[in-house]
C-alpha atoms as a PDB file:
ATOM      1  CA  MET A   1     333.946 223.282  64.222  1.00  0.00           C
ATOM      2  CA  ALA A   2     334.681 219.391  65.106  1.00  0.00           C
ATOM      3  CA  ALA A   3     334.297 218.078  68.616  1.00  0.00           C
ATOM      4  CA  PHE A   4     334.853 214.044  69.028  1.00  0.00           C
ATOM      5  CA  THR A   5     332.051 213.311  71.295  1.00  0.00           C
ATOM      6  CA  GLY A   6     329.942 210.204  72.115  1.00  0.00           C
ATOM      7  CA  LEU A   7     332.789 207.607  71.823  1.00  0.00           C
ATOM      8  CA  PRO A   8     331.571 203.933  72.523  1.00  0.00           C
ATOM      9  CA  CYS A   9     330.518 203.306  76.340  1.00  0.00           C
ATOM     10  CA  GLU A  10     329.833 199.546  76.793  1.00  0.00           C
ATOM     11  CA  ARG A  11     333.296 197.716  76.332  1.00  0.00           C
ATOM     12  CA  GLY A  12     335.295 198.679  78.920  1.00  0.00           C
ATOM     13  CA  GLU A  13     337.848 201.784  79.584  1.00  0.00           C
ATOM     14  CA  LEU A  14     340.819 199.945  77.344  1.00  0.00           C
ATOM     15  CA  GLY A  15     338.822 198.914  75.049  1.00  0.00           C
ATOM     16  CA  GLU A  16     337.236 202.379  73.921  1.00  0.00           C
ATOM     17  CA  SER A  17     340.893 204.408  74.644  1.00  0.00           C
ATOM     18  CA  ARG A  18     342.228 202.052  72.310  1.00  0.00           C
ATOM     19  CA  ALA A  19     339.715 202.154  69.817  1.00  0.00           C
ATOM     20  CA  ALA A  20     340.111 206.040  69.590  1.00  0.00           C
ATOM     21  CA  LEU A  21     343.883 206.352  69.388  1.00  0.00           C
ATOM     22  CA  GLN A  22     343.931 203.633  66.550  1.00  0.00           C
ATOM     23  CA  LEU A  23     341.155 205.481  65.164  1.00  0.00           C
ATOM     24  CA  LEU A  24     342.681 208.918  65.583  1.00  0.00           C
ATOM     25  CA  ALA A  25     346.267 207.419  64.054  1.00  0.00           C
ATOM     26  CA  ASP A  26     344.244 205.917  61.184  1.00  0.00           C
ATOM     27  CA  HIS A  27     341.672 208.154  60.473  1.00  0.00           C
ATOM     28  CA  MET A  28     342.059 211.347  61.232  1.00  0.00           C
ATOM     29  CA  LEU A  29     345.394 212.511  60.743  1.00  0.00           C
ATOM     30  CA  HIS A  30     345.849 212.703  56.989  1.00  0.00           C
ATOM     31  CA  ASP A  31     348.182 214.911  55.347  1.00  0.00           C
ATOM     32  CA  ASP A  32     346.096 218.036  54.569  1.00  0.00           C
ATOM     33  CA  ASN A  33     342.972 217.335  56.625  1.00  0.00           C
ATOM     34  CA  GLY A  34     342.643 220.521  58.572  1.00  0.00           C
ATOM     35  CA  LEU A  35     342.629 220.009  61.928  1.00  0.00           C
ATOM     36  CA  HIS A  36     345.008 221.866  64.427  1.00  0.00           C
ATOM     37  CA  LEU A  37     345.260 218.938  66.663  1.00  0.00           C
ATOM     38  CA  THR A  38     346.829 216.515  64.419  1.00  0.00           C
ATOM     39  CA  GLN A  39     350.821 217.095  64.767  1.00  0.00           C
ATOM     40  CA  ILE A  40     349.813 216.674  69.106  1.00  0.00           C
ATOM     41  CA  PHE A  41     348.069 213.320  68.309  1.00  0.00           C
ATOM     42  CA  CYS A  42     351.019 211.966  66.264  1.00  0.00           C
ATOM     43  CA  ALA A  43     353.218 213.048  69.081  1.00  0.00           C
ATOM     44  CA  LEU A  44     351.400 211.430  71.884  1.00  0.00           C
ATOM     45  CA  MET A  45     350.284 207.908  70.070  1.00  0.00           C
ATOM     46  CA  GLY A  46     354.571 208.176  68.984  1.00  0.00           C
ATOM     47  CA  ALA A  47     355.358 208.740  72.503  1.00  0.00           C
ATOM     48  CA  GLY A  48     353.002 206.322  74.104  1.00  0.00           C
ATOM     49  CA  ARG A  49     354.308 203.308  71.468  1.00  0.00           C
ATOM     50  CA  ASN A  50     357.917 203.718  72.521  1.00  0.00           C
ATOM     51  CA  ILE A  51     356.818 203.904  76.293  1.00  0.00           C
ATOM     52  CA  LEU A  52     354.829 200.890  75.694  1.00  0.00           C
ATOM     53  CA  LYS A  53     357.315 198.766  73.692  1.00  0.00           C
ATOM     54  CA  GLU A  54     359.356 199.051  76.971  1.00  0.00           C
ATOM     55  CA  HIS A  55     356.985 198.795  79.692  1.00  0.00           C
ATOM     56  CA  ALA A  56     354.632 196.892  78.280  1.00  0.00           C
ATOM     57  CA  ILE A  57     352.549 196.332  81.841  1.00  0.00           C
ATOM     58  CA  MET A  58     351.936 200.329  81.880  1.00  0.00           C
ATOM     59  CA  ALA A  59     349.360 199.872  78.883  1.00  0.00           C
ATOM     60  CA  SER A  60     346.201 199.857  80.766  1.00  0.00           C
ATOM     61  CA  THR A  61     348.027 203.021  82.528  1.00  0.00           C
ATOM     62  CA  ILE A  62     348.958 205.198  78.931  1.00  0.00           C
ATOM     63  CA  TYR A  63     345.987 204.230  77.121  1.00  0.00           C
ATOM     64  CA  ARG A  64     343.582 205.513  80.637  1.00  0.00           C
ATOM     65  CA  ILE A  65     346.196 208.804  79.668  1.00  0.00           C
ATOM     66  CA  LEU A  66     346.223 209.188  76.661  1.00  0.00           C
ATOM     67  CA  PHE A  67     341.911 208.746  76.634  1.00  0.00           C
ATOM     68  CA  SER A  68     341.231 211.242  79.507  1.00  0.00           C
ATOM     69  CA  TRP A  69     343.118 213.817  77.233  1.00  0.00           C
ATOM     70  CA  LEU A  70     341.321 212.782  74.299  1.00  0.00           C
ATOM     71  CA  LEU A  71     338.088 213.553  76.115  1.00  0.00           C
ATOM     72  CA  LEU A  72     339.446 216.690  78.090  1.00  0.00           C
ATOM     73  CA  ILE A  73     340.591 218.151  74.415  1.00  0.00           C
ATOM     74  CA  ALA A  74     336.774 216.403  73.506  1.00  0.00           C
ATOM     75  CA  SER A  75     334.876 219.085  76.089  1.00  0.00           C
ATOM     76  CA  ALA A  76     336.891 221.971  74.837  1.00  0.00           C
ATOM     77  CA  GLY A  77     334.249 222.151  71.944  1.00  0.00           C
ATOM     78  CA  SER A  78     334.834 224.405  69.509  1.00  0.00           C
ATOM     79  CA  GLN A  79     337.970 226.497  71.196  1.00  0.00           C
ATOM     80  CA  ALA A  80     340.396 223.026  70.410  1.00  0.00           C
ATOM     81  CA  ALA A  81     338.682 221.175  68.083  1.00  0.00           C
ATOM     82  CA  MET A  82     338.688 223.357  65.351  1.00  0.00           C
ATOM     83  CA  VAL A  83     338.865 222.572  62.176  1.00  0.00           C
ATOM     84  CA  VAL A  84     340.493 225.028  59.721  1.00  0.00           C
ATOM     85  CA  PRO A  85     339.237 226.058  56.363  1.00  0.00           C
ATOM     86  CA  LEU A  86     340.686 224.830  53.621  1.00  0.00           C
ATOM     87  CA  GLY A  87     340.928 226.268  50.428  1.00  0.00           C
ATOM     88  CA  LEU A  88     339.676 224.917  47.330  1.00  0.00           C
ATOM     89  CA  ASP A  89     343.154 224.399  46.149  1.00  0.00           C
ATOM     90  CA  ARG A  90     343.748 222.290  49.458  1.00  0.00           C
ATOM     91  CA  LEU A  91     340.688 220.264  49.155  1.00  0.00           C
ATOM     92  CA  HIS A  92     341.424 219.130  45.617  1.00  0.00           C
ATOM     93  CA  GLY A  93     345.216 218.731  46.591  1.00  0.00           C
ATOM     94  CA  GLY A  94     343.774 216.610  49.493  1.00  0.00           C
ATOM     95  CA  ALA A  95     341.716 214.526  47.372  1.00  0.00           C
ATOM     96  CA  GLU A  96     342.733 211.339  45.238  1.00  0.00           C
ATOM     97  CA  PHE A  97     338.931 211.113  43.871  1.00  0.00           C
ATOM     98  CA  ILE A  98     336.666 214.113  43.318  1.00  0.00           C
ATOM     99  CA  PHE A  99     333.379 213.082  42.016  1.00  0.00           C
ATOM    100  CA  LEU A 100     329.601 213.796  41.376  1.00  0.00           C
ATOM    101  CA  GLY A 101     327.399 211.267  42.629  1.00  0.00           C
ATOM    102  CA  GLU A 102     324.316 210.442  44.180  1.00  0.00           C
ATOM    103  CA  CYS A 103     323.678 208.263  47.745  1.00  0.00           C
ATOM    104  CA  LEU A 104     322.492 204.549  46.987  1.00  0.00           C
ATOM    105  CA  SER A 105     322.724 203.141  50.498  1.00  0.00           C
ATOM    106  CA  ASN A 106     323.973 203.167  53.958  1.00  0.00           C
ATOM    107  CA  THR A 107     324.787 200.459  55.708  1.00  0.00           C
ATOM    108  CA  ILE A 108     325.461 200.225  59.552  1.00  0.00           C
ATOM    109  CA  ALA A 109     327.922 197.138  61.013  1.00  0.00           C
ATOM    110  CA  TYR A 110     331.033 196.701  63.228  1.00  0.00           C
ATOM    111  CA  ASP A 111     334.388 197.075  61.746  1.00  0.00           C
ATOM    112  CA  ARG A 112     336.708 194.563  63.666  1.00  0.00           C
ATOM    113  CA  SER A 113     339.443 196.422  62.084  1.00  0.00           C
ATOM    114  CA  SER A 114     338.760 199.629  64.321  1.00  0.00           C
ATOM    115  CA  ASP A 115     336.607 198.026  66.831  1.00  0.00           C
ATOM    116  CA  MET A 116     333.557 200.740  65.921  1.00  0.00           C
ATOM    117  CA  VAL A 117     330.654 200.572  64.917  1.00  0.00           C
ATOM    118  CA  VAL A 118     331.142 202.235  61.505  1.00  0.00           C
ATOM    119  CA  THR A 119     328.725 203.578  58.300  1.00  0.00           C
ATOM    120  CA  TYR A 120     329.164 201.932  54.356  1.00  0.00           C
ATOM    121  CA  THR A 121     328.349 204.677  51.747  1.00  0.00           C
ATOM    122  CA  ASN A 122     327.315 203.748  48.364  1.00  0.00           C
ATOM    123  CA  PHE A 123     327.457 205.825  45.870  1.00  0.00           C
ATOM    124  CA  GLU A 124     326.517 206.004  41.873  1.00  0.00           C
ATOM    125  CA  VAL A 125     329.466 207.850  40.330  1.00  0.00           C
ATOM    126  CA  ILE A 126     327.947 210.095  37.815  1.00  0.00           C
ATOM    127  CA  GLU A 127     330.928 211.618  36.974  1.00  0.00           C
ATOM    128  CA  ALA A 128     334.310 212.360  37.939  1.00  0.00           C
ATOM    129  CA  PHE A 129     336.533 215.633  38.319  1.00  0.00           C
ATOM    130  CA  LYS A 130     339.213 214.163  39.397  1.00  0.00           C
ATOM    131  CA  GLY A 131     340.554 210.353  39.794  1.00  0.00           C
ATOM    132  CA  SER A 132     339.340 206.965  37.281  1.00  0.00           C
ATOM    133  CA  LEU A 133     336.091 206.535  38.648  1.00  0.00           C
ATOM    134  CA  SER A 134     332.935 204.851  37.456  1.00  0.00           C
ATOM    135  CA  GLY A 135     330.241 202.874  38.131  1.00  0.00           C
ATOM    136  CA  THR A 136     329.815 202.819  42.249  1.00  0.00           C
ATOM    137  CA  HIS A 137     332.050 203.589  44.614  1.00  0.00           C
ATOM    138  CA  SER A 138     331.613 202.704  48.645  1.00  0.00           C
ATOM    139  CA  ILE A 139     333.053 204.674  51.408  1.00  0.00           C
ATOM    140  CA  LYS A 140     333.547 203.589  55.058  1.00  0.00           C
ATOM    141  CA  GLN A 141     333.272 206.159  57.402  1.00  0.00           C
ATOM    142  CA  VAL A 142     333.141 205.792  62.064  1.00  0.00           C
ATOM    143  CA  GLY A 143     330.056 206.374  63.338  1.00  0.00           C
ATOM    144  CA  GLY A 144     326.401 204.686  62.979  1.00  0.00           C
ATOM    145  CA  SER A 145     323.750 202.767  65.615  1.00  0.00           C
ATOM    146  CA  LEU A 146     324.376 199.370  65.506  1.00  0.00           C
ATOM    147  CA  PRO A 147     320.957 197.728  65.194  1.00  0.00           C
ATOM    148  CA  GLY A 148     319.879 195.549  68.517  1.00  0.00           C
ATOM    149  CA  SER A 149     323.523 195.906  69.587  1.00  0.00           C
ATOM    150  CA  GLY A 150     323.173 198.792  71.301  1.00  0.00           C
ATOM    151  CA  MET A 151     326.391 200.403  70.229  1.00  0.00           C
ATOM    152  CA  VAL A 152     326.748 203.473  69.387  1.00  0.00           C
ATOM    153  CA  THR A 153     329.800 205.378  67.947  1.00  0.00           C
ATOM    154  CA  LYS A 154     329.176 209.022  67.165  1.00  0.00           C
ATOM    155  CA  PHE A 155     332.418 211.641  65.698  1.00  0.00           C
ATOM    156  CA  ALA A 156     330.766 215.535  65.438  1.00  0.00           C
ATOM    157  CA  GLY A 157     331.828 216.608  61.481  1.00  0.00           C
ATOM    158  CA  VAL A 158     331.520 213.520  60.142  1.00  0.00           C
ATOM    159  CA  PRO A 159     329.198 213.749  57.140  1.00  0.00           C
ATOM    160  CA  GLN A 160     326.368 211.686  56.744  1.00  0.00           C
ATOM    161  CA  PHE A 161     324.029 211.158  53.596  1.00  0.00           C
ATOM    162  CA  GLU A 162     320.789 210.963  52.392  1.00  0.00           C
ATOM    163  CA  VAL A 163     320.089 208.131  50.068  1.00  0.00           C
ATOM    164  CA  GLY A 164     318.731 209.370  46.816  1.00  0.00           C
ATOM    165  CA  MET A 165     320.383 212.375  46.599  1.00  0.00           C
ATOM    166  CA  ARG A 166     323.630 214.451  44.843  1.00  0.00           C
ATOM    167  CA  TYR A 167     326.933 215.288  46.356  1.00  0.00           C
ATOM    168  CA  VAL A 168     330.365 216.449  45.352  1.00  0.00           C
ATOM    169  CA  LEU A 169     332.607 214.822  47.341  1.00  0.00           C
ATOM    170  CA  PHE A 170     336.297 215.423  47.890  1.00  0.00           C
ATOM    171  CA  LEU A 171     337.948 211.709  48.821  1.00  0.00           C
ATOM    172  CA  PRO A 172     341.656 211.308  50.488  1.00  0.00           C
ATOM    173  CA  PRO A 173     343.526 208.482  49.832  1.00  0.00           C
ATOM    174  CA  VAL A 174     341.913 205.443  51.780  1.00  0.00           C
ATOM    175  CA  SER A 175     343.525 204.770  55.255  1.00  0.00           C
ATOM    176  CA  LYS A 176     345.239 201.462  56.427  1.00  0.00           C
ATOM    177  CA  LEU A 177     342.066 200.519  58.072  1.00  0.00           C
ATOM    178  CA  GLY A 178     339.563 201.342  54.979  1.00  0.00           C
ATOM    179  CA  PHE A 179     338.394 204.804  56.359  1.00  0.00           C
ATOM    180  CA  SER A 180     337.894 207.484  53.954  1.00  0.00           C
ATOM    181  CA  THR A 181     335.768 210.567  55.244  1.00  0.00           C
ATOM    182  CA  PRO A 182     336.072 213.981  52.870  1.00  0.00           C
ATOM    183  CA  VAL A 183     339.295 215.624  53.054  1.00  0.00           C
ATOM    184  CA  GLY A 184     338.456 218.545  56.273  1.00  0.00           C
ATOM    185  CA  MET A 185     335.422 216.407  56.929  1.00  0.00           C
ATOM    186  CA  GLU A 186     332.476 218.384  56.052  1.00  0.00           C
ATOM    187  CA  GLN A 187     333.975 220.945  53.802  1.00  0.00           C
ATOM    188  CA  GLY A 188     335.023 218.033  51.216  1.00  0.00           C
ATOM    189  CA  LEU A 189     331.376 217.726  50.842  1.00  0.00           C
ATOM    190  CA  PHE A 190     329.172 219.944  48.505  1.00  0.00           C
ATOM    191  CA  HIS A 191     325.533 219.967  47.715  1.00  0.00           C
ATOM    192  CA  VAL A 192     323.542 219.441  44.874  1.00  0.00           C
ATOM    193  CA  ARG A 193     320.318 220.979  44.067  1.00  0.00           C
ATOM    194  CA  VAL A 194     318.798 222.291  40.951  1.00  0.00           C
ATOM    195  CA  ASP A 195     317.770 226.133  40.719  1.00  0.00           C
ATOM    196  CA  SER A 196     315.040 227.665  39.296  1.00  0.00           C
ATOM    197  CA  SER A 197     316.694 228.002  36.240  1.00  0.00           C
ATOM    198  CA  GLY A 198     316.478 224.108  35.668  1.00  0.00           C
ATOM    199  CA  ALA A 199     320.459 224.225  36.407  1.00  0.00           C
ATOM    200  CA  GLN A 200     322.566 222.278  39.296  1.00  0.00           C
ATOM    201  CA  VAL A 201     324.341 224.153  41.480  1.00  0.00           C
ATOM    202  CA  ILE A 202     326.522 222.995  44.713  1.00  0.00           C
ATOM    203  CA  SER A 203     327.418 224.178  47.575  1.00  0.00           C
ATOM    204  CA  SER A 204     329.180 223.410  50.570  1.00  0.00           C
ATOM    205  CA  GLY A 205     327.856 225.695  52.919  1.00  0.00           C
ATOM    206  CA  ARG A 206     330.938 228.661  52.986  1.00  0.00           C
ATOM    207  CA  ASP A 207     331.392 231.377  50.881  1.00  0.00           C
ATOM    208  CA  VAL A 208     332.660 231.020  47.103  1.00  0.00           C
ATOM    209  CA  GLY A 209     334.981 234.360  47.376  1.00  0.00           C
ATOM    210  CA  GLU A 210     337.116 232.381  50.188  1.00  0.00           C
ATOM    211  CA  LEU A 211     337.297 228.855  48.623  1.00  0.00           C
ATOM    212  CA  LEU A 212     338.554 230.572  45.855  1.00  0.00           C
ATOM    213  CA  GLN A 213     340.681 233.129  46.871  1.00  0.00           C
ATOM    214  CA  ASN A 214     343.962 231.525  46.325  1.00  0.00           C
ATOM    215  CA  LEU A 215     343.205 230.686  42.705  1.00  0.00           C
ATOM    216  CA  PRO A 216     344.709 232.504  39.905  1.00  0.00           C
ATOM    217  CA  LYS A 217     341.739 235.343  38.490  1.00  0.00           C
ATOM    218  CA  ASN A 218     342.312 233.421  35.021  1.00  0.00           C
ATOM    219  CA  ARG A 219     341.253 230.819  36.523  1.00  0.00           C
ATOM    220  CA  ILE A 220     338.037 231.637  37.812  1.00  0.00           C
ATOM    221  CA  PRO A 221     334.643 231.300  35.463  1.00  0.00           C
ATOM    222  CA  SER A 222     333.791 235.236  34.916  1.00  0.00           C
ATOM    223  CA  ARG A 223     329.937 234.593  35.965  1.00  0.00           C
ATOM    224  CA  VAL A 224     331.314 233.173  39.220  1.00  0.00           C
ATOM    225  CA  ALA A 225     333.449 236.377  39.321  1.00  0.00           C
ATOM    226  CA  ASP A 226     330.844 238.884  38.588  1.00  0.00           C
ATOM    227  CA  LYS A 227     328.483 237.319  40.714  1.00  0.00           C
ATOM    228  CA  LEU A 228     330.748 237.949  43.709  1.00  0.00           C
ATOM    229  CA  SER A 229     331.279 241.742  42.425  1.00  0.00           C
ATOM    230  CA  ALA A 230     327.728 241.804  42.137  1.00  0.00           C
ATOM    231  CA  MET A 231     327.197 240.775  45.914  1.00  0.00           C
ATOM    232  CA  PRO A 232     329.474 241.619  47.902  1.00  0.00           C
ATOM    233  CA  ASP A 233     327.625 242.085  51.254  1.00  0.00           C
ATOM    234  CA  LYS A 234     328.632 238.456  52.718  1.00  0.00           C
ATOM    235  CA  ASP A 235     326.468 239.265  55.784  1.00  0.00           C
ATOM    236  CA  GLN A 236     323.483 240.035  54.557  1.00  0.00           C
ATOM    237  CA  PRO A 237     321.341 236.696  54.505  1.00  0.00           C
ATOM    238  CA  ALA A 238     320.361 236.234  50.759  1.00  0.00           C
ATOM    239  CA  GLN A 239     323.679 237.442  49.118  1.00  0.00           C
ATOM    240  CA  ALA A 240     325.238 235.531  51.685  1.00  0.00           C
ATOM    241  CA  LYS A 241     323.366 232.458  50.477  1.00  0.00           C
ATOM    242  CA  ALA A 242     323.836 233.022  47.078  1.00  0.00           C
ATOM    243  CA  ARG A 243     327.439 233.623  47.293  1.00  0.00           C
ATOM    244  CA  ALA A 244     327.667 230.229  48.904  1.00  0.00           C
ATOM    245  CA  GLU A 245     326.446 228.598  45.662  1.00  0.00           C
ATOM    246  CA  ILE A 246     328.515 227.694  42.433  1.00  0.00           C
ATOM    247  CA  HIS A 247     326.621 226.456  39.097  1.00  0.00           C
ATOM    248  CA  LEU A 248     327.815 223.062  38.506  1.00  0.00           C
ATOM    249  CA  ASP A 249     329.576 223.710  35.078  1.00  0.00           C
ATOM    250  CA  ASP A 250     331.914 226.730  36.523  1.00  0.00           C
ATOM    251  CA  PHE A 251     332.858 224.249  38.890  1.00  0.00           C
ATOM    252  CA  ARG A 252     333.759 221.937  36.307  1.00  0.00           C
ATOM    253  CA  SER A 253     335.475 224.123  34.523  1.00  0.00           C
ATOM    254  CA  ILE A 254     337.821 224.908  38.002  1.00  0.00           C
ATOM    255  CA  MET A 255     338.378 221.017  38.412  1.00  0.00           C
ATOM    256  CA  HIS A 256     339.418 220.695  34.687  1.00  0.00           C
ATOM    257  CA  GLY A 257     341.549 224.024  35.061  1.00  0.00           C
ATOM    258  CA  MET A 258     343.147 222.202  38.429  1.00  0.00           C
ATOM    259  CA  GLY A 259     343.944 219.165  36.474  1.00  0.00           C
ATOM    260  CA  GLN A 260     344.413 215.716  38.019  1.00  0.00           C
END
């Protein structure tokens, strides 16, 4: 679930509206981001642009109307701003880069291009599964609290990263304003841990069977298929937790089969 909440409240209503609408148009509306509302926002933005071209004096009113509509959508919570579940095939298809990386740093700054507080997260690229990456890679996401300024921007559902932790990321092409939140927001983020056998396993918190349901059976490693068959009860907590994890070796094999 993702709701757009906590928009900045210290720069005036018109400034908020411009920033929020610009962000939605540029940052949230990826072709395969899994949000029900994208077409609605695109239509509103298009209508707003056309009206503003003909009646520039109405700019403040138009932005206030659209901003109020945005807040109404946000207040409806999970019913209005539901994230569409994406299978691994769609996560892969929507990503320009997929890689295993370790978070090195988070830097919060004011971004002039979007008029928002943003967070730059820098990763050490350990292994690339799609796209050509090596060394380090940095992404820009909306959100953060700028020290000493009182400026705060928060959007629920935008992933946060902990320094020193490892993740597998599905990143879309960088937007016009330089944003690169994972595909499907938190769906495009897998946490990495080491299990009792010393093997690395990854999890997005979702059931692996559901993630792989659109893949041909011959692309699913036997270890994964066997575990899912042996643990059919997704409502049983222990089984549900086990079903949400996949060995990194098996994930690597699946990625190899899906190609670039």
